[in-house]
């Protein structure tokens, strides 16, 4: 699933090509993804200019003159979605569900599993949209640090890894990034949130920021279907210390990397150096 780094890489890749450009049409080839695609999207969007692109958690937010009678297009890539910039008149393939047409390019949403979402919010106050209102703190924001993480986990008895993946607490830390951050901070994924000291919360918050930043610099992780807006692939997964490396030696202590199941997801960690 595309997580925070992949969505941020998409945002950065699209912004230079779409900012200031006017939408000249919309093509919708399927009635719904995870949710129904808003009716009359072509009439709503045609003629509006893209004033900017934001990211909130795993949502890409396209500002379509929200301050001047327009609104926001919200895009979630789900399990297998990607956004590509393709030349006009490029034939659509089987899983290409929505096109935003511009004069010189087409923004194409591809989603083989159709678990993604395309939503519309009228007006400027997009953070009040139901899809965004419940979301937790941004882990790359100034507000996210060890003190915040320590305070947020004092009443949390669950293991720390599922907590890091709870979007109501903190957004965008998917399975790969939770595992890699915990390994970098030398914190066991099995440790209860409220059993992590303030000092170790500081180390973990720093590790999360470093891991996400490194992934963005590497173009994200292309594990399944995710590709960049130009069709290229991310390569962060190639540098993972523990994720996907069960049975291999830990790069820190040479202990054997283990894999267990937590909250229905695979958790990779080194039991020797993660305590």
Protein backbone atom coordinates (compact mmCIF):
# COMPACT_ATOMS: atom_id res chain seq x y z
CA UNK A 1 0.00 0.00 0.00
CA UNK A 2 1.38 3.46 -0.83
CA UNK A 3 2.18 5.15 2.48
CA UNK A 4 3.25 8.66 3.48
CA UNK A 5 6.58 8.64 1.55
CA UNK A 6 4.99 7.34 -1.66
CA UNK A 7 2.19 9.91 -1.50
CA UNK A 8 4.68 12.69 -0.77
CA UNK A 9 6.86 11.59 -3.71
CA UNK A 10 3.72 11.67 -5.90
CA UNK A 11 2.89 15.17 -4.65
CA UNK A 12 6.38 16.46 -5.36
CA UNK A 13 6.41 14.85 -8.80
CA UNK A 14 3.05 16.25 -9.86
CA UNK A 15 3.32 19.78 -8.49
CA UNK A 16 5.68 21.28 -11.12
CA UNK A 17 3.49 19.98 -13.96
CA UNK A 18 0.01 20.74 -12.60
CA UNK A 19 0.34 23.88 -10.47
CA UNK A 20 -1.27 26.80 -12.26
CA UNK A 21 -2.74 24.59 -14.98
CA UNK A 22 -6.45 24.53 -15.84
CA UNK A 23 -8.45 21.31 -16.01
CA UNK A 24 -9.96 20.97 -19.48
CA UNK A 25 -11.93 17.79 -18.84
CA UNK A 26 -12.40 14.65 -16.76
CA UNK A 27 -12.89 11.08 -17.95
CA UNK A 28 -14.41 8.60 -15.49
CA UNK A 29 -14.40 4.96 -16.62
CA UNK A 30 -15.80 3.28 -13.49
CA UNK A 31 -18.64 4.31 -11.17
CA UNK A 32 -16.77 3.56 -7.96
CA UNK A 33 -13.49 2.64 -6.32
CA UNK A 34 -13.64 2.12 -2.55
CA UNK A 35 -16.43 4.72 -2.59
CA UNK A 36 -18.63 5.99 -5.39
CA UNK A 37 -16.89 8.54 -7.57
CA UNK A 38 -18.73 11.88 -7.23
CA UNK A 39 -21.35 12.39 -9.90
CA UNK A 40 -20.85 15.18 -12.42
CA UNK A 41 -17.12 15.43 -11.77
CA UNK A 42 -16.42 16.64 -15.30
CA UNK A 43 -18.83 19.56 -14.96
CA UNK A 44 -17.49 20.45 -11.49
CA UNK A 45 -13.80 20.44 -12.41
CA UNK A 46 -13.62 21.62 -16.01
CA UNK A 47 -12.31 25.18 -16.12
CA UNK A 48 -10.87 25.15 -12.60
CA UNK A 49 -7.18 25.84 -12.06
CA UNK A 50 -4.91 23.76 -9.84
CA UNK A 51 -3.71 26.21 -7.18
CA UNK A 52 -1.58 23.71 -5.28
CA UNK A 53 -1.23 20.14 -4.04
CA UNK A 54 -1.10 19.14 -0.38
CA UNK A 55 -0.72 15.85 1.43
CA UNK A 56 -2.61 14.80 4.57
CA UNK A 57 -1.61 11.35 5.77
CA UNK A 58 -2.00 9.07 2.77
CA UNK A 59 -4.37 11.45 0.96
CA UNK A 60 -3.27 13.66 -1.90
CA UNK A 61 -5.24 16.93 -1.86
CA UNK A 62 -5.49 18.87 -5.12
CA UNK A 63 -6.58 22.47 -4.61
CA UNK A 64 -8.96 23.30 -7.45
CA UNK A 65 -9.47 27.02 -6.76
CA UNK A 66 -10.87 26.17 -3.32
CA UNK A 67 -10.72 29.81 -2.28
CA UNK A 68 -12.60 31.04 -5.34
CA UNK A 69 -15.71 28.93 -5.72
CA UNK A 70 -14.05 25.57 -6.33
CA UNK A 71 -12.92 22.91 -3.90
CA UNK A 72 -10.53 20.05 -3.27
CA UNK A 73 -10.03 16.73 -5.03
CA UNK A 74 -9.02 14.07 -2.51
CA UNK A 75 -7.17 11.01 -3.83
CA UNK A 76 -6.23 7.90 -1.83
CA UNK A 77 -4.17 5.28 -3.65
CA UNK A 78 -5.48 2.35 -1.60
CA UNK A 79 -3.60 -0.95 -1.90
CA UNK A 80 -2.46 -0.76 -5.50
CA UNK A 81 -3.11 2.72 -6.88
CA UNK A 82 -0.74 5.04 -8.71
CA UNK A 83 -0.91 8.38 -10.49
CA UNK A 84 0.80 8.82 -13.84
CA UNK A 85 1.33 11.80 -16.10
CA UNK A 86 0.85 10.62 -19.67
CA UNK A 87 0.65 12.42 -23.02
CA UNK A 88 -2.83 13.41 -24.24
CA UNK A 89 -4.59 10.71 -26.27
CA UNK A 90 -2.57 7.90 -24.63
CA UNK A 91 -4.88 4.84 -24.79
CA UNK A 92 -6.26 3.78 -21.42
CA UNK A 93 -5.52 0.28 -20.14
CA UNK A 94 -7.76 -2.06 -18.16
CA UNK A 95 -7.20 -0.57 -14.70
CA UNK A 96 -6.98 3.11 -15.70
CA UNK A 97 -10.14 4.43 -14.06
CA UNK A 98 -9.99 8.25 -14.06
CA UNK A 99 -8.23 10.88 -16.17
CA UNK A 100 -7.84 14.57 -15.36
CA UNK A 101 -7.21 16.30 -18.67
CA UNK A 102 -4.91 19.30 -19.01
CA UNK A 103 -3.78 21.08 -22.16
CA UNK A 104 -0.38 19.40 -22.30
CA UNK A 105 -0.75 16.30 -20.12
CA UNK A 106 -3.16 13.84 -18.53
CA UNK A 107 -3.18 12.83 -14.87
CA UNK A 108 -4.23 9.16 -14.90
CA UNK A 109 -5.39 7.20 -11.84
CA UNK A 110 -4.64 3.50 -12.12
CA UNK A 111 -5.91 1.11 -9.44
CA UNK A 112 -6.00 -2.65 -10.19
CA UNK A 113 -7.65 -3.60 -6.89
CA UNK A 114 -9.96 -0.56 -6.77
CA UNK A 115 -9.34 0.00 -3.04
CA UNK A 116 -8.42 3.63 -3.61
CA UNK A 117 -10.70 6.63 -3.38
CA UNK A 118 -11.45 9.80 -5.32
CA UNK A 119 -13.54 12.31 -3.36
CA UNK A 120 -14.64 15.93 -3.74
CA UNK A 121 -14.86 18.63 -1.07
CA UNK A 122 -16.61 21.87 -1.88
CA UNK A 123 -15.01 25.04 -0.51
CA UNK A 124 -11.74 25.82 1.26
CA UNK A 125 -11.95 23.94 4.59
CA UNK A 126 -10.78 20.52 3.38
CA UNK A 127 -9.48 19.40 6.78
CA UNK A 128 -13.10 19.12 7.93
CA UNK A 129 -13.86 16.47 5.30
CA UNK A 130 -14.97 13.21 7.04
CA UNK A 131 -12.08 11.31 5.46
CA UNK A 132 -9.56 13.66 7.09
CA UNK A 133 -11.18 14.90 10.30
CA UNK A 134 -10.21 11.85 12.39
CA UNK A 135 -6.56 11.69 11.29
CA UNK A 136 -3.77 11.95 13.83
CA UNK A 137 -0.53 13.92 13.89
CA UNK A 138 1.79 14.23 10.90
CA UNK A 139 5.08 12.49 11.79
CA UNK A 140 7.13 14.96 9.74
CA UNK A 141 5.56 17.98 11.43
CA UNK A 142 7.34 20.08 14.05
CA UNK A 143 4.79 18.97 16.65
CA UNK A 144 5.83 15.32 16.40
CA UNK A 145 8.72 14.58 18.75
CA UNK A 146 9.66 12.36 21.66
CA UNK A 147 7.67 14.36 24.20
CA UNK A 148 4.52 14.11 22.08
CA UNK A 149 5.00 10.37 21.54
CA UNK A 150 5.64 9.78 25.24
CA UNK A 151 2.47 11.65 26.26
CA UNK A 152 0.38 9.99 23.55
CA UNK A 153 1.32 6.46 24.63
CA UNK A 154 0.97 6.69 28.43
CA UNK A 155 -2.48 5.09 28.39
CA UNK A 156 -1.75 2.73 25.51
CA UNK A 157 -1.23 -0.89 26.54
CA UNK A 158 -1.07 -2.28 23.00
CA UNK A 159 2.26 -3.18 21.37
CA UNK A 160 4.03 -0.18 19.90
CA UNK A 161 4.11 -1.33 16.27
CA UNK A 162 0.30 -1.49 15.77
CA UNK A 163 0.07 1.84 17.60
CA UNK A 164 2.43 3.46 15.11
CA UNK A 165 0.22 2.18 12.30
CA UNK A 166 -2.99 3.59 13.83
CA UNK A 167 -3.87 6.61 11.68
CA UNK A 168 -5.98 8.07 14.48
CA UNK A 169 -2.78 8.49 16.48
CA UNK A 170 -0.15 9.23 13.83
CA UNK A 171 -0.60 9.13 10.06
CA UNK A 172 1.25 7.50 7.21
CA UNK A 173 3.55 5.04 9.01
CA UNK A 174 2.85 1.81 7.17
CA UNK A 175 4.16 -1.66 7.82
CA UNK A 176 7.58 -1.18 6.21
CA UNK A 177 8.27 2.12 7.94
CA UNK A 178 7.07 1.00 11.37
CA UNK A 179 9.36 -2.04 11.24
CA UNK A 180 12.37 -0.09 9.98
CA UNK A 181 11.87 2.77 12.47
CA UNK A 182 11.62 0.39 15.42
CA UNK A 183 14.78 -1.39 14.33
CA UNK A 184 16.64 1.90 13.93
CA UNK A 185 15.57 2.94 17.44
CA UNK A 186 16.32 -0.57 18.85
CA UNK A 187 12.78 -0.86 20.22
CA UNK A 188 10.96 -4.19 20.17
CA UNK A 189 7.68 -4.16 18.23
CA UNK A 190 6.24 -6.26 21.06
CA UNK A 191 6.85 -3.65 23.76
CA UNK A 192 3.70 -1.99 25.09
CA UNK A 193 3.41 1.68 24.22
CA UNK A 194 3.17 2.74 27.85
CA UNK A 195 6.32 0.77 28.71
CA UNK A 196 8.60 2.90 26.56
CA UNK A 197 10.56 5.55 28.44
CA UNK A 198 10.63 9.22 27.52
CA UNK A 199 14.23 8.86 26.33
CA UNK A 200 13.43 5.91 24.09
CA UNK A 201 10.34 7.72 22.77
CA UNK A 202 12.73 10.48 21.71
CA UNK A 203 14.91 7.96 19.90
CA UNK A 204 11.87 6.38 18.25
CA UNK A 205 10.39 9.70 17.10
CA UNK A 206 13.75 10.62 15.59
CA UNK A 207 14.00 7.20 13.90
CA UNK A 208 10.52 7.59 12.40
CA UNK A 209 11.41 10.99 10.97
CA UNK A 210 14.73 9.70 9.61
CA UNK A 211 13.15 6.60 8.06
CA UNK A 212 10.36 8.52 6.32
CA UNK A 213 12.75 11.21 5.10
CA UNK A 214 15.14 8.58 3.72
CA UNK A 215 12.30 6.84 1.91
CA UNK A 216 11.12 10.09 0.32
CA UNK A 217 14.68 10.73 -0.86
CA UNK A 218 14.78 7.21 -2.35
CA UNK A 219 11.50 7.71 -4.19
CA UNK A 220 9.47 5.62 -1.74
CA UNK A 221 9.07 1.84 -1.77
CA UNK A 222 7.83 -0.03 -4.84
CA UNK A 223 6.78 -3.36 -3.35
CA UNK A 224 3.73 -4.09 -5.55
CA UNK A 225 2.08 -1.66 -7.97
CA UNK A 226 3.33 1.74 -6.83
CA UNK A 227 5.22 3.82 -9.41
CA UNK A 228 6.15 7.49 -9.67
CA UNK A 229 4.20 9.95 -11.81
CA UNK A 230 6.76 9.37 -14.59
CA UNK A 231 6.51 5.58 -14.33
CA UNK A 232 9.73 5.09 -12.35
CA UNK A 233 9.98 2.92 -9.24
CA UNK A 234 11.03 3.72 -5.68
CA UNK A 235 14.00 1.88 -4.21
CA UNK A 236 13.81 2.31 -0.41
CA UNK A 237 12.80 -1.35 0.00
CA UNK A 238 16.23 -2.37 -1.31
CA UNK A 239 17.91 -0.78 1.73
CA UNK A 240 15.61 -2.20 4.42
CA UNK A 241 17.43 -3.58 7.48
CA UNK A 242 14.71 -6.02 8.60
CA UNK A 243 11.56 -5.73 6.47
CA UNK A 244 11.22 -8.73 4.17
CA UNK A 245 14.45 -10.25 5.51
CA UNK A 246 13.23 -13.07 7.80
CA UNK A 247 16.01 -15.55 8.51
CA UNK A 248 18.75 -13.20 7.32
CA UNK A 249 21.39 -11.70 9.64
CA UNK A 250 20.62 -8.39 11.33
CA UNK A 251 22.95 -5.72 9.89
CA UNK A 252 23.62 -4.40 13.42
CA UNK A 253 24.26 -7.50 15.55
CA UNK A 254 24.22 -10.39 13.04
CA UNK A 255 21.34 -12.02 14.93
CA UNK A 256 18.66 -13.71 12.86
CA UNK A 257 15.75 -11.50 11.74
CA UNK A 258 12.39 -12.94 12.81
CA UNK A 259 8.91 -12.50 11.39
CA UNK A 260 5.71 -12.67 13.47
CA UNK A 261 2.09 -11.61 12.96
CA UNK A 262 0.71 -8.52 14.69
CA UNK A 263 -2.78 -7.18 14.03
CA UNK A 264 -2.92 -9.26 10.86
CA UNK A 265 0.35 -7.89 9.46
CA UNK A 266 3.85 -9.35 9.19
CA UNK A 267 6.31 -7.82 11.64
CA UNK A 268 10.04 -8.17 10.95
CA UNK A 269 12.49 -7.48 13.77
CA UNK A 270 15.72 -8.56 15.46
CA UNK A 271 14.99 -10.05 18.91
CA UNK A 272 18.64 -9.67 19.88
CA UNK A 273 19.07 -5.91 19.47
CA UNK A 274 15.44 -4.72 19.71
CA UNK A 275 14.33 -4.67 23.34
